């Protein structure tokens, strides 16, 4: 029996998180998904808690519950990848470059267009939000702010500044996926975000230059993709090592 306190204070959301992780990581690939009664017994919770958690997982496309068929785990093609929980579970399992590239491709389709729209739709508040994100990124480069959160604030501000409610709806997906993407690219680049590249996006939006804003954001995401596909090597360090051996 799993300890009940492992689910946290909100038993339903705690069970949702535990089961979601298990589904995504393949725990139930070779065994049937438990019944509500089995889950209630295993996690020491009420049937109403298990029923609600199963309903939530069904809404996310992970499960199918039908009379006389029971509850089954659906194939990945059925999962709602725009759901922040599902994306979070996917990104927390064994790291996948392919998944990171898929996310980057999604960004390349959305963020340059959002930046272009922001040049026409952003009001003073929207511009100020992007500026605040950039200011935080500069502070993070000095060690005075969080590099991850400041970078995310910048990109989310651009989505909102576009004035397109559909782009704004991508906020949860962007925030969840960027947590993995930014950590990965910052680590392999050996430094935090490219401040001049982000500043170029802001400057173009603030100046109302649509083409330049789109190009600047596209260049920023293209740089990210290059880091993922072909990380910089430590050629210099390896060369130094070879020279040292020759000496």
Protein backbone atom coordinates (compact mmCIF):
# COMPACT_ATOMS: atom_id res chain seq x y z
CA UNK A 1 0.00 0.00 0.00
CA UNK A 2 1.29 3.44 -0.94
CA UNK A 3 1.48 5.90 1.99
CA UNK A 4 -1.51 8.22 1.98
CA UNK A 5 0.63 11.20 3.09
CA UNK A 6 2.67 10.84 -0.13
CA UNK A 7 -0.31 12.33 -1.96
CA UNK A 8 -0.10 15.65 -0.12
CA UNK A 9 -2.96 17.65 1.34
CA UNK A 10 -5.15 17.52 -1.75
CA UNK A 11 -5.69 13.80 -2.13
CA UNK A 12 -7.38 14.01 -5.53
CA UNK A 13 -4.62 16.08 -7.16
CA UNK A 14 -1.97 14.04 -5.37
CA UNK A 15 -3.41 10.82 -6.77
CA UNK A 16 -3.77 12.45 -10.18
CA UNK A 17 -0.06 13.32 -10.17
CA UNK A 18 1.05 9.86 -9.02
CA UNK A 19 -1.09 8.00 -11.55
CA UNK A 20 -0.29 10.42 -14.37
CA UNK A 21 3.44 9.91 -13.86
CA UNK A 22 3.01 6.13 -13.79
CA UNK A 23 0.98 6.13 -17.01
CA UNK A 24 3.43 8.35 -18.87
CA UNK A 25 6.49 6.40 -17.69
CA UNK A 26 4.95 3.10 -18.80
CA UNK A 27 4.08 1.45 -15.49
CA UNK A 28 0.82 0.17 -16.94
CA UNK A 29 2.16 -0.84 -20.34
CA UNK A 30 2.34 -4.48 -19.30
CA UNK A 31 -0.31 -4.61 -16.61
CA UNK A 32 -3.97 -3.59 -16.48
CA UNK A 33 -4.88 -0.26 -14.96
CA UNK A 34 -6.27 -0.79 -11.43
CA UNK A 35 -9.97 -0.55 -10.68
CA UNK A 36 -11.25 2.30 -8.51
CA UNK A 37 -11.58 -0.16 -5.63
CA UNK A 38 -7.98 -1.31 -6.05
CA UNK A 39 -6.73 2.28 -6.19
CA UNK A 40 -8.72 3.19 -3.08
CA UNK A 41 -7.16 0.28 -1.23
CA UNK A 42 -3.62 0.87 -2.54
CA UNK A 43 -3.54 4.56 -1.69
CA UNK A 44 -5.84 4.47 1.35
CA UNK A 45 -8.27 7.00 -0.08
CA UNK A 46 -12.01 7.05 -0.66
CA UNK A 47 -13.67 5.79 -3.82
CA UNK A 48 -14.79 9.35 -4.57
CA UNK A 49 -11.14 10.47 -4.64
CA UNK A 50 -10.12 7.69 -7.03
CA UNK A 51 -13.18 8.29 -9.20
CA UNK A 52 -12.40 11.99 -9.55
CA UNK A 53 -8.71 11.34 -10.32
CA UNK A 54 -9.67 8.84 -13.01
CA UNK A 55 -12.11 11.35 -14.51
CA UNK A 56 -9.37 13.97 -14.68
CA UNK A 57 -6.94 11.54 -16.34
CA UNK A 58 -9.67 10.59 -18.81
CA UNK A 59 -10.22 14.26 -19.66
CA UNK A 60 -6.48 14.56 -20.37
CA UNK A 61 -6.69 11.71 -22.88
CA UNK A 62 -4.63 9.25 -20.82
CA UNK A 63 -7.44 6.87 -19.88
CA UNK A 64 -10.65 5.52 -21.32
CA UNK A 65 -13.33 4.32 -18.91
CA UNK A 66 -16.29 2.46 -20.39
CA UNK A 67 -18.95 0.17 -18.96
CA UNK A 68 -18.05 -3.55 -19.16
CA UNK A 69 -14.64 -2.63 -20.64
CA UNK A 70 -13.12 -1.17 -17.53
CA UNK A 71 -10.47 1.55 -17.49
CA UNK A 72 -7.64 1.26 -19.99
CA UNK A 73 -4.56 3.36 -20.73
CA UNK A 74 -4.80 5.03 -24.13
CA UNK A 75 -1.88 5.24 -26.60
CA UNK A 76 0.25 8.36 -26.57
CA UNK A 77 -1.41 9.63 -29.74
CA UNK A 78 -4.56 10.20 -27.68
CA UNK A 79 -2.88 12.21 -24.92
CA UNK A 80 -3.58 15.92 -24.73
CA UNK A 81 -0.06 17.28 -25.17
CA UNK A 82 -1.34 20.83 -24.64
CA UNK A 83 -2.33 19.91 -21.10
CA UNK A 84 0.28 21.30 -18.71
CA UNK A 85 0.17 18.21 -16.46
CA UNK A 86 0.69 15.80 -19.36
CA UNK A 87 3.56 17.86 -20.75
CA UNK A 88 5.11 18.11 -17.28
CA UNK A 89 5.00 14.33 -16.83
CA UNK A 90 6.46 13.78 -20.30
CA UNK A 91 9.34 16.17 -19.67
CA UNK A 92 10.11 14.66 -16.26
CA UNK A 93 10.50 11.13 -17.54
CA UNK A 94 13.66 9.94 -19.33
CA UNK A 95 15.00 13.01 -21.13
CA UNK A 96 14.19 13.12 -24.84
CA UNK A 97 15.94 15.37 -27.35
CA UNK A 98 13.18 14.58 -29.84
CA UNK A 99 10.50 15.87 -27.47
CA UNK A 100 12.53 19.01 -26.85
CA UNK A 101 12.86 19.56 -30.60
CA UNK A 102 9.13 19.05 -31.12
CA UNK A 103 8.48 21.72 -28.52
CA UNK A 104 11.01 24.05 -30.17
CA UNK A 105 9.26 23.56 -33.51
CA UNK A 106 5.99 24.56 -31.85
CA UNK A 107 7.64 27.69 -30.46
CA UNK A 108 9.01 28.52 -33.91
CA UNK A 109 5.48 28.41 -35.31
CA UNK A 110 3.94 30.58 -32.59
CA UNK A 111 6.38 33.01 -30.98
CA UNK A 112 7.66 34.86 -34.07
CA UNK A 113 4.04 35.45 -35.11
CA UNK A 114 3.22 36.61 -31.57
CA UNK A 115 6.14 39.04 -31.65
CA UNK A 116 4.97 40.43 -34.99
CA UNK A 117 1.41 40.87 -33.71
CA UNK A 118 2.73 42.56 -30.57
CA UNK A 119 4.16 45.38 -32.69
CA UNK A 120 0.59 46.27 -33.66
CA UNK A 121 -1.48 45.12 -30.71
CA UNK A 122 0.62 45.71 -27.58
CA UNK A 123 -0.43 48.62 -25.39
CA UNK A 124 1.76 50.40 -22.85
CA UNK A 125 1.09 47.70 -20.26
CA UNK A 126 2.07 44.95 -22.68
CA UNK A 127 5.32 46.68 -23.63
CA UNK A 128 6.07 47.28 -19.96
CA UNK A 129 5.61 43.58 -19.19
CA UNK A 130 8.09 42.57 -21.88
CA UNK A 131 10.51 45.24 -20.64
CA UNK A 132 10.14 43.94 -17.09
CA UNK A 133 11.01 40.45 -18.22
CA UNK A 134 14.11 41.72 -20.02
CA UNK A 135 15.12 43.75 -16.98
CA UNK A 136 14.83 40.65 -14.82
CA UNK A 137 17.00 38.75 -17.31
CA UNK A 138 19.73 41.38 -17.01
CA UNK A 139 19.48 41.12 -13.23
CA UNK A 140 19.71 37.33 -13.49
CA UNK A 141 22.89 37.65 -15.56
CA UNK A 142 24.37 39.61 -12.62
CA UNK A 143 23.21 36.95 -10.18
CA UNK A 144 20.42 39.11 -8.76
CA UNK A 145 17.42 37.19 -10.12
CA UNK A 146 16.39 33.74 -11.27
CA UNK A 147 17.58 33.03 -14.85
CA UNK A 148 14.82 30.54 -15.57
CA UNK A 149 11.87 32.52 -14.24
CA UNK A 150 13.00 35.79 -15.80
CA UNK A 151 13.43 34.18 -19.23
CA UNK A 152 9.99 32.60 -18.99
CA UNK A 153 8.45 35.93 -17.94
CA UNK A 154 9.85 37.55 -21.08
CA UNK A 155 8.41 34.94 -23.47
CA UNK A 156 5.02 34.81 -21.76
CA UNK A 157 4.83 38.61 -21.88
CA UNK A 158 5.32 38.52 -25.65
CA UNK A 159 2.48 36.00 -26.01
CA UNK A 160 0.14 38.25 -24.02
CA UNK A 161 1.29 41.38 -25.87
CA UNK A 162 0.23 39.80 -29.16
CA UNK A 163 -3.37 40.51 -28.19
CA UNK A 164 -4.36 37.11 -29.59
CA UNK A 165 -6.25 35.10 -26.93
CA UNK A 166 -5.34 31.83 -28.63
CA UNK A 167 -1.63 32.60 -28.33
CA UNK A 168 -2.15 33.59 -24.70
CA UNK A 169 -3.71 30.16 -24.10
CA UNK A 170 -0.31 28.62 -24.83
CA UNK A 171 1.02 30.16 -21.61
CA UNK A 172 0.81 26.97 -19.54
CA UNK A 173 2.42 24.89 -22.27
CA UNK A 174 5.20 27.44 -22.79
CA UNK A 175 5.91 27.79 -19.07
CA UNK A 176 5.98 24.04 -18.46
CA UNK A 177 8.15 23.17 -21.43
CA UNK A 178 10.52 26.13 -21.06
CA UNK A 179 11.48 24.89 -17.61
CA UNK A 180 13.17 21.96 -19.33
CA UNK A 181 14.25 23.74 -22.52
CA UNK A 182 15.95 26.69 -20.83
CA UNK A 183 17.73 24.54 -18.26
CA UNK A 184 19.06 22.36 -21.06
CA UNK A 185 20.23 25.13 -23.38
CA UNK A 186 21.71 27.26 -20.58
CA UNK A 187 23.66 24.28 -19.35
CA UNK A 188 25.14 23.32 -22.70
CA UNK A 189 25.80 26.92 -23.69
CA UNK A 190 27.67 27.48 -20.45
CA UNK A 191 25.83 30.70 -19.68
CA UNK A 192 22.36 32.14 -19.21
CA UNK A 193 20.12 33.44 -21.99
CA UNK A 194 21.45 35.48 -24.92
CA UNK A 195 20.58 38.97 -23.70
CA UNK A 196 21.30 40.84 -26.97
CA UNK A 197 19.03 38.42 -28.86
CA UNK A 198 16.18 38.99 -26.39
CA UNK A 199 16.81 42.75 -26.41
CA UNK A 200 16.52 42.72 -30.21
CA UNK A 201 13.05 41.24 -29.90
CA UNK A 202 11.99 43.84 -27.35
CA UNK A 203 13.46 46.77 -29.30
CA UNK A 204 11.63 45.74 -32.49
CA UNK A 205 8.31 45.32 -30.67
CA UNK A 206 8.68 48.63 -28.85
CA UNK A 207 9.52 50.35 -32.16
CA UNK A 208 6.50 48.80 -33.86
CA UNK A 209 8.63 47.12 -36.53
CA UNK A 210 6.72 43.96 -37.38
CA UNK A 211 9.16 42.29 -39.78
CA UNK A 212 12.12 42.93 -37.52
CA UNK A 213 10.25 41.61 -34.49
CA UNK A 214 9.35 38.38 -36.26
CA UNK A 215 12.90 37.93 -37.55
CA UNK A 216 14.43 38.64 -34.15
CA UNK A 217 12.24 36.08 -32.39
CA UNK A 218 12.81 33.56 -35.16
CA UNK A 219 16.57 34.04 -34.82
CA UNK A 220 16.31 33.54 -31.06
CA UNK A 221 14.47 30.24 -31.42
CA UNK A 222 16.74 29.11 -34.26
CA UNK A 223 19.70 29.62 -31.92
CA UNK A 224 17.97 27.48 -29.30
CA UNK A 225 17.38 24.73 -31.84
CA UNK A 226 21.02 24.76 -32.90
CA UNK A 227 22.11 24.34 -29.30
CA UNK A 228 19.81 21.34 -28.93
CA UNK A 229 20.76 19.66 -32.21
CA UNK A 230 24.48 20.38 -32.10
CA UNK A 231 25.73 21.53 -28.69
CA UNK A 232 29.06 23.38 -28.62
CA UNK A 233 31.98 21.08 -27.93
CA UNK A 234 34.89 21.62 -25.63
CA UNK A 235 37.29 21.46 -28.56
CA UNK A 236 39.59 24.01 -27.02
CA UNK A 237 39.95 22.03 -23.83
CA UNK A 238 40.51 18.80 -25.71
CA UNK A 239 43.10 20.48 -27.95
CA UNK A 240 44.89 21.86 -24.91
CA UNK A 241 44.95 18.36 -23.49
CA UNK A 242 46.48 16.95 -26.66
CA UNK A 243 49.11 19.68 -26.71
CA UNK A 244 49.94 18.97 -23.09
CA UNK A 245 50.41 15.29 -23.86
CA UNK A 246 52.69 16.12 -26.78
CA UNK A 247 54.83 18.24 -24.52
